[in-house]
Protein backbone atom coordinates (compact mmCIF):
# COMPACT_ATOMS: atom_id res chain seq x y z
CA MET A 1 29.35 96.13 221.28
CA ASN A 2 30.52 94.45 224.62
CA ARG A 3 33.30 92.15 224.50
CA ALA A 4 32.17 88.88 224.69
CA PRO A 5 33.30 86.90 227.66
CA ASP A 6 35.46 84.02 225.73
CA ILE A 7 35.61 83.28 221.60
CA GLU A 8 35.01 80.42 219.77
CA ILE A 9 35.98 79.98 216.16
CA TYR A 10 35.28 76.79 212.97
CA VAL A 11 38.40 76.84 211.21
CA PRO A 12 37.93 74.41 208.42
CA ASN A 13 41.33 71.44 207.40
CA ILE A 14 44.07 73.05 210.29
CA THR A 15 46.07 71.60 212.41
CA ALA A 16 46.45 72.58 216.37
CA GLU A 17 50.23 73.20 214.99
CA GLN A 18 48.83 75.17 212.05
CA ALA A 19 46.52 77.03 214.83
CA GLU A 20 49.70 77.30 217.36
CA ASP A 21 51.82 79.33 214.27
CA TRP A 22 49.41 81.07 213.73
CA LEU A 23 48.35 82.32 217.52
CA GLN A 24 52.26 83.05 217.70
CA LYS A 25 52.03 85.76 215.39
CA GLU A 26 49.41 87.48 217.46
CA PHE A 27 50.46 86.59 220.59
CA SER A 28 53.73 87.69 222.79
CA LYS A 29 53.29 84.13 224.06
CA CYS A 30 51.44 80.98 222.40
CA GLU A 31 52.04 77.17 223.76
CA LEU A 32 50.05 73.95 223.29
CA SER A 33 49.87 72.86 226.84
CA ASN A 34 49.62 69.56 228.16
CA LYS A 35 47.09 67.36 228.05
CA LYS A 36 44.61 67.18 230.67
CA LYS A 37 43.46 63.40 232.20
CA GLY A 38 40.51 62.59 230.50
CA MET A 39 40.56 64.83 227.65
CA PRO A 40 39.72 63.64 224.25
CA LYS A 41 42.49 62.72 221.68
CA LYS A 42 42.08 65.85 219.38
CA ALA A 43 42.30 68.77 221.93
CA HIS A 44 45.16 70.59 222.79
CA PRO A 45 45.14 72.97 225.56
CA ILE A 46 46.64 75.95 224.37
CA SER A 47 48.02 78.96 226.53
CA VAL A 48 48.71 82.42 225.43
CA GLU A 49 49.52 85.58 226.88
CA TRP A 50 47.93 89.04 225.80
CA ASN A 51 48.97 92.53 227.74
CA ASN A 52 50.78 90.42 230.38
CA LEU A 53 47.47 87.92 230.82
CA ARG A 54 47.94 84.73 230.45
CA VAL A 55 44.42 83.16 229.04
CA SER A 56 44.10 79.32 228.39
CA GLY A 57 41.91 77.65 225.96
CA VAL A 58 41.65 74.81 223.24
CA VAL A 59 42.24 73.58 219.86
CA TYR A 60 40.15 71.13 219.24
CA GLU A 61 41.02 68.88 215.75
CA LYS A 62 38.29 67.49 213.90
CA VAL A 63 35.71 68.64 216.51
CA VAL A 64 33.03 68.40 213.54
CA PRO A 65 34.33 66.57 210.57
CA GLY A 66 36.61 69.17 208.42
CA PHE A 67 36.71 71.80 211.19
CA THR A 68 39.10 72.60 213.61
CA SER A 69 37.80 74.68 216.98
CA ILE A 70 39.27 77.66 218.73
CA TRP A 71 38.66 78.73 221.47
CA LEU A 72 40.25 81.21 224.20
CA ASP A 73 38.70 81.81 227.43
CA SER A 74 38.72 85.33 228.19
CA ASP A 75 37.64 88.67 227.70
CA GLN A 76 40.93 90.41 227.81
CA LEU A 77 42.12 89.12 223.87
CA PRO A 78 42.69 91.19 220.66
CA TRP A 79 39.69 90.62 219.43
CA SER A 80 36.35 92.08 220.90
CA SER A 81 33.97 89.18 219.21
CA ASP A 82 34.14 85.40 217.54
CA GLN A 83 33.35 87.27 214.53
CA GLU A 84 36.19 89.29 214.67
CA PHE A 85 38.54 86.50 216.01
CA ALA A 86 37.19 84.54 212.40
CA GLN A 87 38.01 87.60 210.49
CA SER A 88 41.48 87.40 211.42
CA ALA A 89 41.38 83.85 210.81
CA ALA A 90 39.90 83.96 207.40
CA LYS A 91 42.72 86.40 206.08
CA HIS A 92 45.49 84.41 207.78
CA PHE A 93 44.20 81.29 206.21
CA HIS A 94 42.67 82.19 203.46
CA CYS A 95 39.68 80.53 203.92
CA ALA A 96 35.96 80.91 204.79
CA VAL A 97 35.95 80.77 208.79
CA ARG A 98 32.49 79.65 210.75
CA PHE A 99 31.43 81.82 214.21
CA VAL A 100 27.77 82.49 216.27
CA ASN A 101 27.91 86.02 215.89
CA GLU A 102 26.23 86.19 219.55
CA SER A 103 26.06 84.31 222.60
CA TRP A 104 23.45 81.87 222.23
CA GLN A 105 20.23 82.31 223.55
CA GLN A 106 17.60 79.88 224.71
CA GLN A 107 14.78 80.94 221.50
CA GLN A 108 17.80 81.25 219.45
CA ASN A 109 18.16 78.09 216.79
CA PRO A 110 21.12 76.51 217.53
CA ASP A 111 22.08 75.21 214.06
CA ALA A 112 21.99 79.26 213.53
CA TRP A 113 25.78 80.44 211.95
CA ASN A 114 27.97 82.14 210.28
CA GLU A 115 30.81 82.34 207.89
CA ILE A 116 33.48 84.98 207.16
CA ASN A 117 35.34 84.63 204.49
CA GLU A 118 39.08 86.68 204.43
CA GLN A 119 37.16 89.89 202.47
CA GLY A 120 35.35 89.86 205.28
CA GLU A 121 31.71 88.89 203.86
CA ILE A 122 29.22 87.11 206.32
CA THR A 123 27.05 84.59 205.06
CA ASP A 124 24.23 83.48 207.38
CA LEU A 125 23.89 79.75 207.55
CA ILE A 126 21.85 76.83 209.14
CA TRP A 127 24.63 73.89 210.30
CA LYS A 128 24.20 71.16 212.11
CA THR A 129 27.12 69.82 214.33
């Protein structure tokens, strides 16, 4: 399996601070950064460090009703896919986490998502974001 160029998950009902607390346990460094001009109010830039590599990302609270998005922009992370990232979050937050299993392709349904629970069980779903 190839590593994803970036990873993103959708966690229900968490704040940026809760996401940061979890990521601080996963990385040697993690901090919410200052917002860049023009960023939406609920978008929080984040910076993490993994194996001496600084990685940027965004935690976006309520990106869709009831869900916070966590996106990290690197293929050099402890997780090689959105699914692995989602499984780790599901275990930590004790809830089902949503993700897209593969990079989206033109012919795919943009509403086709997966959800993984803390036991690693995956459900396919249609989610109109």
